[in-house]
Amino acid sequence: MRNIMVPLDYDTVDNIVCMQIQEMKESLEGYLIQVKNNKKGTVFDMDYKKDMKQIKEHIKACEMIYAYFGGNNK
C-alpha cells in the first residue's frame, strides 16, 4: 500500500473539525430525543435523568468546540 500525502491549510482542517463536531452534536441531539421519548436505551448512564444531563453537557461541549474552530452554532 502506498501513502498519499495531501497538504491541508489551517482553514481546511478547521472546516473538517467543524463538520465532524456538528455531526456529533446532531447525533447527541437525536439520542437525547430518543431517551426523552422512548426511554428504551441510554448512552452514558443507565439512569435516564443522569443520562439526559450528560448528553446535554456533551452537546454544550460540542457547541463550545464548534465555536472555537469558527463554526456558527445552529
Protein backbone atom coordinates (compact mmCIF):
# COMPACT_ATOMS: atom_id res chain seq x y z
CA MET A 1 0.00 0.00 0.00
CA ARG A 2 1.31 3.45 -0.90
CA ASN A 3 0.98 6.50 1.29
CA ILE A 4 -0.53 9.61 -0.22
CA MET A 5 0.33 12.99 1.23
CA VAL A 6 -2.30 15.70 0.90
CA PRO A 7 -1.36 19.21 2.00
CA LEU A 8 -4.09 20.91 4.03
CA ASP A 9 -4.21 24.51 5.10
CA TYR A 10 -5.47 25.59 8.52
CA ASP A 11 -8.88 26.69 7.23
CA THR A 12 -9.48 23.31 5.61
CA VAL A 13 -8.59 21.48 8.81
CA ASP A 14 -10.86 23.80 10.83
CA ASN A 15 -13.72 23.13 8.40
CA ILE A 16 -13.23 19.37 8.71
CA VAL A 17 -13.24 19.61 12.51
CA CYS A 18 -16.39 21.79 12.43
CA MET A 19 -18.21 19.32 10.19
CA GLN A 20 -17.33 16.39 12.47
CA ILE A 21 -18.28 18.25 15.65
CA GLN A 22 -21.59 19.32 14.08
CA GLU A 23 -22.33 15.70 13.14
CA MET A 24 -21.53 14.58 16.69
CA LYS A 25 -23.79 17.28 18.13
CA GLU A 26 -26.66 16.28 15.85
CA SER A 27 -26.18 12.65 16.80
CA LEU A 28 -26.26 13.51 20.52
CA GLU A 29 -29.41 15.60 19.98
CA GLY A 30 -31.01 12.57 18.35
CA TYR A 31 -30.02 10.38 21.31
CA LEU A 32 -31.46 12.98 23.68
CA ILE A 33 -34.82 12.91 21.88
CA GLN A 34 -34.83 9.11 21.95
CA VAL A 35 -34.04 8.98 25.66
CA LYS A 36 -36.70 11.62 26.42
CA ASN A 37 -39.42 9.97 24.33
CA ASN A 38 -38.82 6.25 24.38
CA LYS A 39 -36.69 5.61 27.40
CA LYS A 40 -35.61 2.45 25.55
CA GLY A 41 -31.90 2.97 25.89
CA THR A 42 -29.23 5.19 27.34
CA VAL A 43 -25.86 6.49 26.19
CA PHE A 44 -23.72 7.41 29.20
CA ASP A 45 -25.67 6.27 32.27
CA MET A 46 -28.35 3.69 32.98
CA ASP A 47 -30.36 6.30 34.91
CA TYR A 48 -32.43 8.27 32.36
CA LYS A 49 -32.22 11.62 34.16
CA LYS A 50 -28.46 11.34 34.63
CA ASP A 51 -28.09 10.22 31.03
CA MET A 52 -30.06 13.21 29.71
CA LYS A 53 -27.92 15.53 31.83
CA GLN A 54 -24.69 14.06 30.47
CA ILE A 55 -25.95 14.18 26.88
CA LYS A 56 -26.83 17.87 27.35
CA GLU A 57 -23.35 18.53 28.78
CA HIS A 58 -21.75 16.84 25.77
CA ILE A 59 -23.94 18.89 23.40
CA LYS A 60 -22.76 22.06 25.17
CA ALA A 61 -19.15 20.92 24.83
CA CYS A 62 -19.67 20.32 21.10
CA GLU A 63 -21.07 23.84 20.76
CA MET A 64 -18.03 25.31 22.51
CA ILE A 65 -15.57 23.35 20.36
CA TYR A 66 -17.51 24.23 17.22
CA ALA A 67 -17.40 27.93 18.07
CA TYR A 68 -13.67 27.73 18.84
CA PHE A 69 -12.98 26.38 15.35
CA GLY A 70 -15.02 29.14 13.74
CA GLY A 71 -18.38 27.45 13.26
CA ASN A 72 -21.75 29.10 13.77
CA ASN A 73 -23.97 27.10 16.13
CA LYS A 74 -27.37 26.23 14.73
